[in-house]
Structure formats: structure tokens, C-alpha cells
Amino acid sequence: MSNTMKDYSEKRDFHRMRVNSEIQITRSDGRVLAGICRDLSATGMQLYVEEPIEAGEELVTLILSNDDNFPPFESSVRVLRSEAEGSGFLLGTAIIEVKR
């Protein structure tokens, strides 16, 4: 099947994996806040936070693991978009660097 015939959701180069895991987010000013990583792909992640974060801000994220076979996932991300959702904000981010 050609790319022109694929459904939009199949056009991504990297598929998203639903995670819904707690994530620690360190803002550029050093403040640390808790959030939820809703999904993760090879190039970005979708985060839910309770305070507004502007597009363009760089964050350090950390998803801890309860399993010794899976180390923590730490990365630097750039916020591409921020949209109000419920009592918080949904962030679309691009992964700049995977630290571990």
C-alpha cells in the first residue's frame, strides 16, 4: 500500500506508545513538578501538567522504573505546543536528547 493510501494515523514515521506513567519534570528555572506522560514515541512525548508551560521551553524529564530490568528514562525535551485540558495543560514535546 502506498503512503498516499494510508490512513493519517499510519503516516507517522514512529508510532506512539501509550504510557500513562508518572513523570518528573524539571523546568528551565530549576523547579521540579510532577506530571503524567500520556504517550511516548521515538521523537517525542505527550505530557499532562497542572501549570502552564510555554512553547519553546526546554525541560528535563525522568520516568522512574520499578523493574531492575528497565532503567529510568531521562531525556531533554522542547515544548512544541501547550493546550488547556481540564484543570491542567497538555504538552506536545520533541525529544532533544535521551540521557539514559
C-alpha atoms as a PDB file:
ATOM      1  CA  MET A   1       0.000   0.000   0.000  1.00  0.00           C
ATOM      2  CA  SER A   2       1.409   3.427  -0.893  1.00  0.00           C
ATOM      3  CA  ASN A   3       1.748   6.245   1.651  1.00  0.00           C
ATOM      4  CA  THR A   4      -0.960   8.203  -0.154  1.00  0.00           C
ATOM      5  CA  MET A   5      -3.436   5.423   0.593  1.00  0.00           C
ATOM      6  CA  LYS A   6      -2.538   5.051   4.268  1.00  0.00           C
ATOM      7  CA  ASP A   7      -4.820   6.358   6.934  1.00  0.00           C
ATOM      8  CA  TYR A   8      -3.470   9.530   8.615  1.00  0.00           C
ATOM      9  CA  SER A   9      -2.703   7.672  11.868  1.00  0.00           C
ATOM     10  CA  GLU A  10      -0.399   5.340   9.911  1.00  0.00           C
ATOM     11  CA  LYS A  11       1.649   8.112   8.305  1.00  0.00           C
ATOM     12  CA  ARG A  12       3.863   8.665  11.332  1.00  0.00           C
ATOM     13  CA  ASP A  13       7.445   7.538  10.991  1.00  0.00           C
ATOM     14  CA  PHE A  14       7.373   6.431  14.632  1.00  0.00           C
ATOM     15  CA  HIS A  15       4.267   5.067  16.309  1.00  0.00           C
ATOM     16  CA  ARG A  16       3.217   6.330  19.711  1.00  0.00           C
ATOM     17  CA  MET A  17       3.118   4.039  22.704  1.00  0.00           C
ATOM     18  CA  ARG A  18       0.527   4.795  25.389  1.00  0.00           C
ATOM     19  CA  VAL A  19       2.351   5.050  28.686  1.00  0.00           C
ATOM     20  CA  ASN A  20       0.242   6.952  31.257  1.00  0.00           C
ATOM     21  CA  SER A  21       3.140   6.965  33.723  1.00  0.00           C
ATOM     22  CA  GLU A  22       4.124   9.450  36.380  1.00  0.00           C
ATOM     23  CA  ILE A  23       6.938  11.693  35.186  1.00  0.00           C
ATOM     24  CA  GLN A  24       9.227  14.137  36.982  1.00  0.00           C
ATOM     25  CA  ILE A  25       9.734  17.369  35.032  1.00  0.00           C
ATOM     26  CA  THR A  26      12.486  19.881  35.757  1.00  0.00           C
ATOM     27  CA  ARG A  27      11.796  23.315  34.295  1.00  0.00           C
ATOM     28  CA  SER A  28      14.472  25.605  32.880  1.00  0.00           C
ATOM     29  CA  ASP A  29      14.415  27.659  36.125  1.00  0.00           C
ATOM     30  CA  GLY A  30      15.184  24.513  38.167  1.00  0.00           C
ATOM     31  CA  ARG A  31      11.693  23.981  39.596  1.00  0.00           C
ATOM     32  CA  VAL A  32      10.575  20.348  39.676  1.00  0.00           C
ATOM     33  CA  LEU A  33       6.975  19.325  39.096  1.00  0.00           C
ATOM     34  CA  ALA A  34       5.069  16.105  38.686  1.00  0.00           C
ATOM     35  CA  GLY A  35       3.135  15.200  35.580  1.00  0.00           C
ATOM     36  CA  ILE A  36       1.797  12.296  33.560  1.00  0.00           C
ATOM     37  CA  CYS A  37       3.469  11.028  30.396  1.00  0.00           C
ATOM     38  CA  ARG A  38       0.466  10.070  28.289  1.00  0.00           C
ATOM     39  CA  ASP A  39       2.368   8.681  25.326  1.00  0.00           C
ATOM     40  CA  LEU A  40       5.879   8.263  24.013  1.00  0.00           C
ATOM     41  CA  SER A  41       7.414   7.853  20.571  1.00  0.00           C
ATOM     42  CA  ALA A  42      10.964   7.779  19.282  1.00  0.00           C
ATOM     43  CA  THR A  43      10.864  11.549  18.689  1.00  0.00           C
ATOM     44  CA  GLY A  44       8.577  12.991  21.351  1.00  0.00           C
ATOM     45  CA  MET A  45       6.125  12.609  24.178  1.00  0.00           C
ATOM     46  CA  GLN A  46       2.796  13.998  25.286  1.00  0.00           C
ATOM     47  CA  LEU A  47       2.751  15.269  28.869  1.00  0.00           C
ATOM     48  CA  TYR A  48      -0.038  16.386  31.189  1.00  0.00           C
ATOM     49  CA  VAL A  49       0.901  19.012  33.792  1.00  0.00           C
ATOM     50  CA  GLU A  50      -1.021  21.232  36.205  1.00  0.00           C
ATOM     51  CA  GLU A  51       0.675  24.539  35.373  1.00  0.00           C
ATOM     52  CA  PRO A  52       1.147  26.313  32.055  1.00  0.00           C
ATOM     53  CA  ILE A  53       4.438  25.857  30.228  1.00  0.00           C
ATOM     54  CA  GLU A  54       5.131  27.941  27.136  1.00  0.00           C
ATOM     55  CA  ALA A  55       6.105  26.527  23.756  1.00  0.00           C
ATOM     56  CA  GLY A  56       9.871  26.725  23.283  1.00  0.00           C
ATOM     57  CA  GLU A  57      10.808  25.946  26.886  1.00  0.00           C
ATOM     58  CA  GLU A  58      13.284  23.097  27.356  1.00  0.00           C
ATOM     59  CA  LEU A  59      12.592  20.578  30.119  1.00  0.00           C
ATOM     60  CA  VAL A  60      14.378  17.598  31.630  1.00  0.00           C
ATOM     61  CA  THR A  61      12.089  14.610  32.136  1.00  0.00           C
ATOM     62  CA  LEU A  62      12.515  11.465  34.222  1.00  0.00           C
ATOM     63  CA  ILE A  63      10.310   8.368  34.187  1.00  0.00           C
ATOM     64  CA  LEU A  64      11.291   6.057  37.029  1.00  0.00           C
ATOM     65  CA  SER A  65      11.016   2.285  36.765  1.00  0.00           C
ATOM     66  CA  ASN A  66      10.006  -0.239  39.410  1.00  0.00           C
ATOM     67  CA  ASP A  67      11.745  -3.024  37.464  1.00  0.00           C
ATOM     68  CA  ASP A  68      15.523  -3.519  37.603  1.00  0.00           C
ATOM     69  CA  ASN A  69      15.406  -4.792  34.008  1.00  0.00           C
ATOM     70  CA  PHE A  70      14.205  -1.366  32.831  1.00  0.00           C
ATOM     71  CA  PRO A  71      16.364   1.601  33.835  1.00  0.00           C
ATOM     72  CA  PRO A  72      14.855   5.071  34.377  1.00  0.00           C
ATOM     73  CA  PHE A  73      14.209   7.026  31.185  1.00  0.00           C
ATOM     74  CA  GLU A  74      15.698  10.537  31.315  1.00  0.00           C
ATOM     75  CA  SER A  75      15.544  12.993  28.440  1.00  0.00           C
ATOM     76  CA  SER A  76      15.683  16.638  27.441  1.00  0.00           C
ATOM     77  CA  VAL A  77      12.634  17.846  25.543  1.00  0.00           C
ATOM     78  CA  ARG A  78      11.420  21.051  23.912  1.00  0.00           C
ATOM     79  CA  VAL A  79       7.767  22.059  24.288  1.00  0.00           C
ATOM     80  CA  LEU A  80       6.184  22.388  20.839  1.00  0.00           C
ATOM     81  CA  ARG A  81       2.639  23.181  21.978  1.00  0.00           C
ATOM     82  CA  SER A  82       0.642  23.671  25.155  1.00  0.00           C
ATOM     83  CA  GLU A  83      -3.150  23.353  25.279  1.00  0.00           C
ATOM     84  CA  ALA A  84      -5.514  23.716  28.224  1.00  0.00           C
ATOM     85  CA  GLU A  85      -7.170  20.414  29.165  1.00  0.00           C
ATOM     86  CA  GLY A  86      -9.418  20.032  32.187  1.00  0.00           C
ATOM     87  CA  SER A  87      -7.691  21.590  35.177  1.00  0.00           C
ATOM     88  CA  GLY A  88      -4.235  21.345  33.568  1.00  0.00           C
ATOM     89  CA  PHE A  89      -2.316  21.517  30.313  1.00  0.00           C
ATOM     90  CA  LEU A  90      -1.426  19.004  27.626  1.00  0.00           C
ATOM     91  CA  LEU A  91       2.084  19.472  26.218  1.00  0.00           C
ATOM     92  CA  GLY A  92       3.377  18.174  22.928  1.00  0.00           C
ATOM     93  CA  THR A  93       7.150  17.830  23.170  1.00  0.00           C
ATOM     94  CA  ALA A  94      10.066  16.862  20.934  1.00  0.00           C
ATOM     95  CA  ILE A  95      12.889  14.796  22.404  1.00  0.00           C
ATOM     96  CA  ILE A  96      16.181  16.660  22.041  1.00  0.00           C
ATOM     97  CA  GLU A  97      18.400  14.138  23.829  1.00  0.00           C
ATOM     98  CA  VAL A  98      17.982  10.827  25.627  1.00  0.00           C
ATOM     99  CA  LYS A  99      20.281  10.977  28.643  1.00  0.00           C
ATOM    100  CA  ARG A 100      19.608   7.437  29.919  1.00  0.00           C
END
